[in-house]
Amino acid sequence: MTAHRYDPFINLDGLHRLSEEFGRMVEGDWLNPDRTAKARRDWRPAADTFFTDDAWKIVIDLPGVLPTSVEVSVQQHELIVSGVREAHDMSGTEDSQVRRERPSGRFERRFDLPDNADDSAITAKGEQGVLTISVPLGASTTAKSVDINWTAS
């Protein structure tokens, strides 16, 4: 008979994923109810932000989102990324077991721009379902819309 050592942490992966999802769900919004009210959304795409020597970068995962359904704009020193991901058509599946885990519907992410952001020179590029926004560091405070340069994949 072989003895197996019990590992109490072996099934914590699911709890870790739940904790990460909860963290994304409440990330900052519960501290600022006005911001939550402004952000009408059905799901929240994951985003990374970081600084380079001359810019602030935002990288957002948008798999399955059509390039024509994404908007990037700047209003009141806030960068806004919004759009829609359509739900996959599951018609004709009434007799089979169905699970829908991929989020769909409206999304909106809002990011406070750094104080030294040059919001007149923001660029956005989309490639293979990933949107990369570059905010040069300088100075400007105009409201504008940002064009997205999508690369065909």
N, C-alpha and C. Protein backbone atom coordinates (compact mmCIF):
# COMPACT_ATOMS: atom_id res chain seq x y z
N MET A 1 0.84 -1.17 0.00
CA MET A 1 0.00 0.00 0.00
C MET A 1 0.90 1.24 0.00
N THR A 2 0.58 2.18 -0.89
CA THR A 2 1.37 3.39 -1.02
C THR A 2 0.72 4.51 -0.21
N ALA A 3 1.50 5.20 0.57
CA ALA A 3 0.99 6.33 1.35
C ALA A 3 1.11 7.59 0.50
N HIS A 4 0.06 8.39 0.50
CA HIS A 4 0.06 9.66 -0.24
C HIS A 4 0.05 10.80 0.76
N ARG A 5 0.92 11.74 0.53
CA ARG A 5 0.97 12.91 1.41
C ARG A 5 -0.16 13.87 1.01
N TYR A 6 -0.95 14.28 1.96
CA TYR A 6 -2.06 15.20 1.72
C TYR A 6 -1.53 16.63 1.59
N ASP A 7 -1.96 17.30 0.54
CA ASP A 7 -1.58 18.69 0.33
C ASP A 7 -2.84 19.55 0.47
N PRO A 8 -3.00 20.29 1.56
CA PRO A 8 -4.22 21.07 1.76
C PRO A 8 -4.36 22.24 0.79
N PHE A 9 -3.30 22.59 0.07
CA PHE A 9 -3.34 23.73 -0.83
C PHE A 9 -3.54 23.35 -2.29
N ILE A 10 -3.73 22.08 -2.57
CA ILE A 10 -3.79 21.62 -3.96
C ILE A 10 -5.00 22.18 -4.71
N ASN A 11 -6.08 22.45 -4.02
CA ASN A 11 -7.30 22.91 -4.69
C ASN A 11 -7.52 24.41 -4.54
N LEU A 12 -6.50 25.17 -4.25
CA LEU A 12 -6.66 26.61 -4.05
C LEU A 12 -6.58 27.41 -5.35
N ASP A 13 -6.29 26.76 -6.48
CA ASP A 13 -6.24 27.49 -7.75
C ASP A 13 -7.57 28.18 -8.04
N GLY A 14 -8.67 27.47 -7.83
CA GLY A 14 -9.99 28.05 -8.07
C GLY A 14 -10.24 29.25 -7.17
N LEU A 15 -9.85 29.14 -5.92
CA LEU A 15 -10.02 30.25 -4.98
C LEU A 15 -9.15 31.43 -5.39
N HIS A 16 -7.94 31.16 -5.88
CA HIS A 16 -7.05 32.22 -6.33
C HIS A 16 -7.67 32.96 -7.53
N ARG A 17 -8.22 32.20 -8.50
CA ARG A 17 -8.86 32.84 -9.66
C ARG A 17 -10.06 33.67 -9.23
N LEU A 18 -10.86 33.15 -8.28
CA LEU A 18 -12.01 33.89 -7.78
C LEU A 18 -11.56 35.18 -7.10
N SER A 19 -10.48 35.11 -6.34
CA SER A 19 -9.95 36.28 -5.67
C SER A 19 -9.48 37.33 -6.68
N GLU A 20 -8.81 36.90 -7.75
CA GLU A 20 -8.36 37.83 -8.79
C GLU A 20 -9.55 38.48 -9.48
N GLU A 21 -10.58 37.70 -9.79
CA GLU A 21 -11.78 38.23 -10.45
C GLU A 21 -12.47 39.25 -9.54
N PHE A 22 -12.58 38.92 -8.26
CA PHE A 22 -13.19 39.85 -7.31
C PHE A 22 -12.37 41.14 -7.24
N GLY A 23 -11.06 41.01 -7.24
CA GLY A 23 -10.19 42.18 -7.22
C GLY A 23 -10.40 43.07 -8.42
N ARG A 24 -10.53 42.47 -9.61
CA ARG A 24 -10.79 43.26 -10.82
C ARG A 24 -12.16 43.92 -10.75
N MET A 25 -13.13 43.20 -10.17
CA MET A 25 -14.50 43.69 -10.11
C MET A 25 -14.61 44.95 -9.26
N VAL A 26 -13.90 45.00 -8.16
CA VAL A 26 -14.03 46.14 -7.25
C VAL A 26 -12.84 47.08 -7.28
N GLU A 27 -11.92 46.85 -8.18
CA GLU A 27 -10.68 47.62 -8.25
C GLU A 27 -10.95 49.12 -8.31
N GLY A 28 -10.87 49.77 -7.18
CA GLY A 28 -10.99 51.21 -7.14
C GLY A 28 -12.40 51.76 -7.24
N ASP A 29 -13.33 51.08 -7.91
CA ASP A 29 -14.65 51.64 -8.14
C ASP A 29 -15.45 51.84 -6.86
N TRP A 30 -15.33 50.95 -5.89
CA TRP A 30 -16.12 51.09 -4.67
C TRP A 30 -15.66 52.27 -3.84
N LEU A 31 -14.46 52.75 -4.09
CA LEU A 31 -13.99 53.93 -3.38
C LEU A 31 -14.50 55.22 -4.01
N ASN A 32 -14.96 55.14 -5.25
CA ASN A 32 -15.39 56.33 -5.97
C ASN A 32 -16.73 56.05 -6.65
N PRO A 33 -17.86 56.21 -5.93
CA PRO A 33 -19.15 55.86 -6.51
C PRO A 33 -19.51 56.68 -7.74
N ASP A 34 -19.03 57.93 -7.83
CA ASP A 34 -19.32 58.73 -9.02
C ASP A 34 -18.72 58.11 -10.26
N ARG A 35 -17.51 57.58 -10.14
CA ARG A 35 -16.84 56.94 -11.27
C ARG A 35 -17.60 55.68 -11.67
N THR A 36 -18.10 54.91 -10.71
CA THR A 36 -18.85 53.69 -11.01
C THR A 36 -20.12 54.04 -11.78
N ALA A 37 -20.78 55.10 -11.38
CA ALA A 37 -22.02 55.49 -12.04
C ALA A 37 -21.76 55.88 -13.50
N LYS A 38 -20.59 56.49 -13.77
CA LYS A 38 -20.27 56.90 -15.13
C LYS A 38 -19.91 55.71 -16.02
N ALA A 39 -19.42 54.65 -15.45
CA ALA A 39 -18.92 53.52 -16.24
C ALA A 39 -20.03 52.49 -16.44
N ARG A 40 -20.78 52.62 -17.52
CA ARG A 40 -21.82 51.65 -17.86
C ARG A 40 -21.14 50.49 -18.57
N ARG A 41 -21.22 49.29 -17.96
CA ARG A 41 -20.53 48.17 -18.57
C ARG A 41 -21.15 46.86 -18.14
N ASP A 42 -20.95 45.84 -18.99
CA ASP A 42 -21.39 44.49 -18.69
C ASP A 42 -20.20 43.62 -18.30
N TRP A 43 -19.01 43.98 -18.73
CA TRP A 43 -17.80 43.24 -18.39
C TRP A 43 -16.62 44.19 -18.38
N ARG A 44 -15.53 43.74 -17.83
CA ARG A 44 -14.36 44.60 -17.65
C ARG A 44 -13.12 43.89 -18.18
N PRO A 45 -12.60 44.33 -19.35
CA PRO A 45 -11.39 43.69 -19.89
C PRO A 45 -10.17 43.97 -19.01
N ALA A 46 -9.27 43.00 -18.96
CA ALA A 46 -8.05 43.14 -18.17
C ALA A 46 -7.12 44.16 -18.81
N ALA A 47 -6.42 44.93 -17.98
CA ALA A 47 -5.52 45.97 -18.48
C ALA A 47 -4.25 46.02 -17.63
N ASP A 48 -3.14 46.33 -18.30
CA ASP A 48 -1.87 46.59 -17.63
C ASP A 48 -1.49 48.04 -17.94
N THR A 49 -0.91 48.73 -16.99
CA THR A 49 -0.39 50.08 -17.23
C THR A 49 1.05 50.13 -16.73
N PHE A 50 1.88 50.88 -17.46
CA PHE A 50 3.27 51.02 -17.05
C PHE A 50 3.88 52.26 -17.71
N PHE A 51 4.97 52.72 -17.16
CA PHE A 51 5.68 53.88 -17.69
C PHE A 51 6.93 53.43 -18.43
N THR A 52 7.21 54.11 -19.55
CA THR A 52 8.49 53.99 -20.23
C THR A 52 9.21 55.32 -20.01
N ASP A 53 10.35 55.51 -20.66
CA ASP A 53 11.10 56.75 -20.48
C ASP A 53 10.31 57.98 -20.91
N ASP A 54 9.48 57.84 -21.96
CA ASP A 54 8.81 59.01 -22.50
C ASP A 54 7.30 58.89 -22.62
N ALA A 55 6.71 57.81 -22.09
CA ALA A 55 5.26 57.64 -22.24
C ALA A 55 4.67 56.78 -21.12
N TRP A 56 3.37 56.87 -21.01
CA TRP A 56 2.60 55.99 -20.14
C TRP A 56 1.84 55.05 -21.06
N LYS A 57 1.94 53.76 -20.84
CA LYS A 57 1.33 52.77 -21.73
C LYS A 57 0.18 52.06 -21.01
N ILE A 58 -0.86 51.78 -21.77
CA ILE A 58 -1.99 50.98 -21.30
C ILE A 58 -2.17 49.86 -22.31
N VAL A 59 -2.17 48.62 -21.84
CA VAL A 59 -2.35 47.46 -22.70
C VAL A 59 -3.61 46.74 -22.22
N ILE A 60 -4.59 46.59 -23.13
CA ILE A 60 -5.88 46.01 -22.76
C ILE A 60 -6.17 44.80 -23.63
N ASP A 61 -6.55 43.69 -23.00
CA ASP A 61 -6.94 42.48 -23.73
C ASP A 61 -8.38 42.63 -24.21
N LEU A 62 -8.57 42.55 -25.54
CA LEU A 62 -9.90 42.67 -26.13
C LEU A 62 -10.16 41.54 -27.13
N PRO A 63 -9.97 40.28 -26.72
CA PRO A 63 -10.19 39.18 -27.67
C PRO A 63 -11.66 39.11 -28.09
N GLY A 64 -11.86 38.91 -29.37
CA GLY A 64 -13.22 38.77 -29.89
C GLY A 64 -13.97 40.07 -30.06
N VAL A 65 -13.33 41.19 -29.81
CA VAL A 65 -13.98 42.49 -29.97
C VAL A 65 -13.64 43.01 -31.36
N LEU A 66 -14.66 43.37 -32.13
CA LEU A 66 -14.42 43.91 -33.47
C LEU A 66 -13.75 45.28 -33.37
N PRO A 67 -12.75 45.54 -34.20
CA PRO A 67 -12.07 46.83 -34.15
C PRO A 67 -13.01 48.03 -34.29
N THR A 68 -14.08 47.87 -35.07
CA THR A 68 -15.01 48.97 -35.28
C THR A 68 -15.88 49.25 -34.06
N SER A 69 -15.86 48.38 -33.06
CA SER A 69 -16.71 48.59 -31.89
C SER A 69 -15.94 49.11 -30.67
N VAL A 70 -14.71 49.58 -30.88
CA VAL A 70 -13.89 50.10 -29.78
C VAL A 70 -13.68 51.60 -29.97
N GLU A 71 -13.82 52.35 -28.89
CA GLU A 71 -13.56 53.79 -28.91
C GLU A 71 -12.58 54.15 -27.81
N VAL A 72 -11.67 55.06 -28.12
CA VAL A 72 -10.75 55.60 -27.13
C VAL A 72 -10.91 57.11 -27.17
N SER A 73 -11.15 57.72 -26.01
CA SER A 73 -11.32 59.17 -25.95
C SER A 73 -10.73 59.71 -24.66
N VAL A 74 -10.58 61.03 -24.62
CA VAL A 74 -10.08 61.72 -23.44
C VAL A 74 -11.10 62.79 -23.06
N GLN A 75 -11.50 62.77 -21.79
CA GLN A 75 -12.42 63.78 -21.28
C GLN A 75 -12.01 64.13 -19.86
N GLN A 76 -11.84 65.40 -19.60
CA GLN A 76 -11.52 65.90 -18.26
C GLN A 76 -10.34 65.15 -17.62
N HIS A 77 -9.27 65.04 -18.36
CA HIS A 77 -8.02 64.40 -17.90
C HIS A 77 -8.21 62.93 -17.54
N GLU A 78 -9.12 62.30 -18.26
CA GLU A 78 -9.40 60.88 -18.04
C GLU A 78 -9.44 60.18 -19.40
N LEU A 79 -8.71 59.08 -19.54
CA LEU A 79 -8.70 58.29 -20.77
C LEU A 79 -9.81 57.25 -20.64
N ILE A 80 -10.67 57.17 -21.66
CA ILE A 80 -11.81 56.26 -21.62
C ILE A 80 -11.72 55.30 -22.80
N VAL A 81 -11.76 54.01 -22.52
CA VAL A 81 -11.78 52.97 -23.55
C VAL A 81 -13.12 52.26 -23.39
N SER A 82 -13.92 52.25 -24.48
CA SER A 82 -15.23 51.63 -24.39
C SER A 82 -15.54 50.89 -25.68
N GLY A 83 -16.53 50.02 -25.61
CA GLY A 83 -16.94 49.28 -26.79
C GLY A 83 -17.91 48.17 -26.44
N VAL A 84 -18.05 47.25 -27.39
CA VAL A 84 -19.00 46.14 -27.23
C VAL A 84 -18.37 44.87 -27.77
N ARG A 85 -18.55 43.79 -27.05
CA ARG A 85 -18.21 42.47 -27.57
C ARG A 85 -19.52 41.71 -27.68
N GLU A 86 -19.83 41.33 -28.93
CA GLU A 86 -21.08 40.61 -29.19
C GLU A 86 -20.99 39.19 -28.65
N ALA A 87 -22.12 38.70 -28.14
CA ALA A 87 -22.19 37.32 -27.65
C ALA A 87 -22.20 36.36 -28.83
N HIS A 88 -21.55 35.22 -28.66
CA HIS A 88 -21.55 34.17 -29.67
C HIS A 88 -22.97 33.63 -29.81
N ASP A 89 -23.43 33.43 -31.04
CA ASP A 89 -24.77 32.91 -31.28
C ASP A 89 -24.83 31.44 -30.86
N MET A 90 -25.67 31.15 -29.88
CA MET A 90 -25.80 29.79 -29.38
C MET A 90 -27.18 29.22 -29.73
N SER A 91 -27.81 29.78 -30.76
CA SER A 91 -29.13 29.27 -31.14
C SER A 91 -29.00 27.85 -31.66
N GLY A 92 -30.03 27.08 -31.46
CA GLY A 92 -30.01 25.69 -31.89
C GLY A 92 -29.35 24.78 -30.89
N THR A 93 -29.09 25.27 -29.69
CA THR A 93 -28.42 24.44 -28.69
C THR A 93 -29.34 24.10 -27.53
N GLU A 94 -30.67 24.17 -27.74
CA GLU A 94 -31.62 23.94 -26.66
C GLU A 94 -31.50 22.55 -26.05
N ASP A 95 -31.18 21.54 -26.86
CA ASP A 95 -31.14 20.17 -26.38
C ASP A 95 -29.79 19.77 -25.78
N SER A 96 -28.83 20.65 -25.81
CA SER A 96 -27.52 20.29 -25.28
C SER A 96 -27.22 21.13 -24.04
N GLN A 97 -26.30 20.65 -23.25
CA GLN A 97 -25.90 21.39 -22.07
C GLN A 97 -25.08 22.59 -22.51
N VAL A 98 -25.41 23.77 -22.00
CA VAL A 98 -24.77 25.00 -22.45
C VAL A 98 -24.10 25.69 -21.26
N ARG A 99 -22.90 26.15 -21.50
CA ARG A 99 -22.19 26.95 -20.50
C ARG A 99 -21.67 28.19 -21.20
N ARG A 100 -21.95 29.34 -20.64
CA ARG A 100 -21.47 30.59 -21.21
C ARG A 100 -20.56 31.25 -20.18
N GLU A 101 -19.25 31.20 -20.43
CA GLU A 101 -18.28 31.78 -19.50
C GLU A 101 -17.62 33.05 -20.03
N ARG A 102 -17.63 33.20 -21.36
CA ARG A 102 -16.97 34.37 -21.94
C ARG A 102 -17.90 35.58 -21.84
N PRO A 103 -17.42 36.66 -21.26
CA PRO A 103 -18.28 37.84 -21.10
C PRO A 103 -18.56 38.50 -22.44
N SER A 104 -19.71 39.14 -22.51
CA SER A 104 -20.07 39.89 -23.71
C SER A 104 -20.87 41.11 -23.28
N GLY A 105 -21.11 41.99 -24.24
CA GLY A 105 -21.85 43.22 -23.97
C GLY A 105 -20.92 44.42 -23.92
N ARG A 106 -21.45 45.50 -23.34
CA ARG A 106 -20.68 46.75 -23.25
C ARG A 106 -19.54 46.64 -22.25
N PHE A 107 -18.47 47.33 -22.55
CA PHE A 107 -17.39 47.47 -21.58
C PHE A 107 -16.91 48.90 -21.59
N GLU A 108 -16.35 49.31 -20.48
CA GLU A 108 -15.76 50.64 -20.38
C GLU A 108 -14.69 50.61 -19.31
N ARG A 109 -13.52 51.13 -19.66
CA ARG A 109 -12.42 51.29 -18.69
C ARG A 109 -12.05 52.76 -18.68
N ARG A 110 -11.83 53.29 -17.50
CA ARG A 110 -11.44 54.69 -17.32
C ARG A 110 -10.12 54.75 -16.57
N PHE A 111 -9.23 55.59 -17.06
CA PHE A 111 -7.91 55.73 -16.45
C PHE A 111 -7.61 57.21 -16.25
N ASP A 112 -7.27 57.59 -15.03
CA ASP A 112 -6.84 58.96 -14.77
C ASP A 112 -5.47 59.15 -15.41
N LEU A 113 -5.35 60.19 -16.22
CA LEU A 113 -4.08 60.46 -16.89
C LEU A 113 -3.07 61.03 -15.89
N PRO A 114 -1.80 60.72 -16.08
CA PRO A 114 -0.77 61.34 -15.23
C PRO A 114 -0.80 62.86 -15.41
N ASP A 115 -0.38 63.59 -14.40
CA ASP A 115 -0.41 65.06 -14.46
C ASP A 115 0.37 65.61 -15.64
N ASN A 116 1.44 64.95 -16.04
CA ASN A 116 2.27 65.46 -17.14
C ASN A 116 1.95 64.80 -18.48
N ALA A 117 0.76 64.22 -18.62
CA ALA A 117 0.38 63.56 -19.87
C ALA A 117 0.09 64.58 -20.97
N ASP A 118 0.58 64.31 -22.17
CA ASP A 118 0.27 65.14 -23.34
C ASP A 118 -0.90 64.47 -24.05
N ASP A 119 -2.12 64.83 -23.65
CA ASP A 119 -3.30 64.16 -24.20
C ASP A 119 -3.63 64.56 -25.63
N SER A 120 -2.87 65.49 -26.21
CA SER A 120 -3.10 65.85 -27.61
C SER A 120 -2.34 64.93 -28.57
N ALA A 121 -1.46 64.07 -28.05
CA ALA A 121 -0.63 63.21 -28.91
C ALA A 121 -0.78 61.73 -28.56
N ILE A 122 -1.92 61.33 -28.01
CA ILE A 122 -2.14 59.93 -27.65
C ILE A 122 -2.30 59.10 -28.91
N THR A 123 -1.69 57.92 -28.92
CA THR A 123 -1.85 56.99 -30.04
C THR A 123 -2.38 55.66 -29.51
N ALA A 124 -3.08 54.94 -30.38
CA ALA A 124 -3.61 53.63 -30.00
C ALA A 124 -3.41 52.67 -31.17
N LYS A 125 -2.99 51.45 -30.85
CA LYS A 125 -2.74 50.43 -31.87
C LYS A 125 -3.35 49.12 -31.39
N GLY A 126 -4.08 48.47 -32.28
CA GLY A 126 -4.66 47.17 -31.95
C GLY A 126 -4.06 46.08 -32.80
N GLU A 127 -3.72 44.95 -32.17
CA GLU A 127 -3.15 43.83 -32.90
C GLU A 127 -3.49 42.54 -32.17
N GLN A 128 -4.10 41.60 -32.90
CA GLN A 128 -4.43 40.27 -32.39
C GLN A 128 -5.20 40.33 -31.07
N GLY A 129 -6.20 41.22 -31.01
CA GLY A 129 -7.05 41.29 -29.83
C GLY A 129 -6.45 42.03 -28.65
N VAL A 130 -5.33 42.72 -28.86
CA VAL A 130 -4.70 43.48 -27.78
C VAL A 130 -4.60 44.94 -28.22
N LEU A 131 -5.14 45.84 -27.40
CA LEU A 131 -5.09 47.27 -27.67
C LEU A 131 -3.98 47.89 -26.82
N THR A 132 -3.06 48.60 -27.48
CA THR A 132 -1.97 49.28 -26.77
C THR A 132 -2.12 50.77 -26.99
N ILE A 133 -2.23 51.50 -25.90
CA ILE A 133 -2.39 52.95 -25.94
C ILE A 133 -1.13 53.57 -25.37
N SER A 134 -0.60 54.56 -26.08
CA SER A 134 0.61 55.25 -25.65
C SER A 134 0.27 56.71 -25.38
N VAL A 135 0.52 57.15 -24.16
CA VAL A 135 0.25 58.53 -23.75
C VAL A 135 1.60 59.21 -23.52
N PRO A 136 2.02 60.08 -24.47
CA PRO A 136 3.30 60.77 -24.30
C PRO A 136 3.27 61.65 -23.05
N LEU A 137 4.42 61.77 -22.42
CA LEU A 137 4.51 62.62 -21.24
C LEU A 137 4.96 64.00 -21.67
N GLY A 138 4.15 65.01 -21.40
CA GLY A 138 4.37 66.39 -21.80
C GLY A 138 3.30 67.23 -21.13
N ALA A 139 2.61 68.10 -21.90
CA ALA A 139 1.53 68.88 -21.29
C ALA A 139 0.51 69.34 -22.32
N SER A 140 -0.76 69.04 -22.08
CA SER A 140 -1.89 69.51 -22.88
C SER A 140 -3.16 69.12 -22.14
N THR A 141 -4.25 69.84 -22.36
CA THR A 141 -5.50 69.52 -21.66
C THR A 141 -6.71 69.68 -22.56
N THR A 142 -6.66 69.16 -23.76
CA THR A 142 -7.79 69.28 -24.66
C THR A 142 -8.57 67.97 -24.71
N ALA A 143 -9.89 68.07 -24.90
CA ALA A 143 -10.71 66.87 -25.07
C ALA A 143 -10.61 66.43 -26.52
N LYS A 144 -10.48 65.14 -26.74
CA LYS A 144 -10.37 64.66 -28.11
C LYS A 144 -10.70 63.19 -28.19
N SER A 145 -10.88 62.73 -29.41
CA SER A 145 -11.08 61.31 -29.68
C SER A 145 -9.77 60.78 -30.26
N VAL A 146 -9.46 59.51 -29.99
CA VAL A 146 -8.19 58.93 -30.43
C VAL A 146 -8.47 57.87 -31.48
N ASP A 147 -7.83 57.96 -32.65
CA ASP A 147 -7.98 56.95 -33.70
C ASP A 147 -7.17 55.72 -33.32
N ILE A 148 -7.71 54.52 -33.65
CA ILE A 148 -7.03 53.26 -33.38
C ILE A 148 -6.52 52.70 -34.69
N ASN A 149 -5.24 52.35 -34.75
CA ASN A 149 -4.64 51.75 -35.93
C ASN A 149 -4.64 50.23 -35.74
N TRP A 150 -5.61 49.52 -36.35
CA TRP A 150 -5.73 48.06 -36.20
C TRP A 150 -4.93 47.37 -37.29
N THR A 151 -4.12 46.40 -36.90
CA THR A 151 -3.36 45.59 -37.83
C THR A 151 -4.15 44.33 -38.11
N ALA A 152 -4.35 44.01 -39.38
CA ALA A 152 -5.07 42.79 -39.74
C ALA A 152 -4.26 41.58 -39.33
N SER A 153 -4.97 40.56 -38.78
CA SER A 153 -4.23 39.35 -38.37
C SER A 153 -4.66 38.16 -39.17
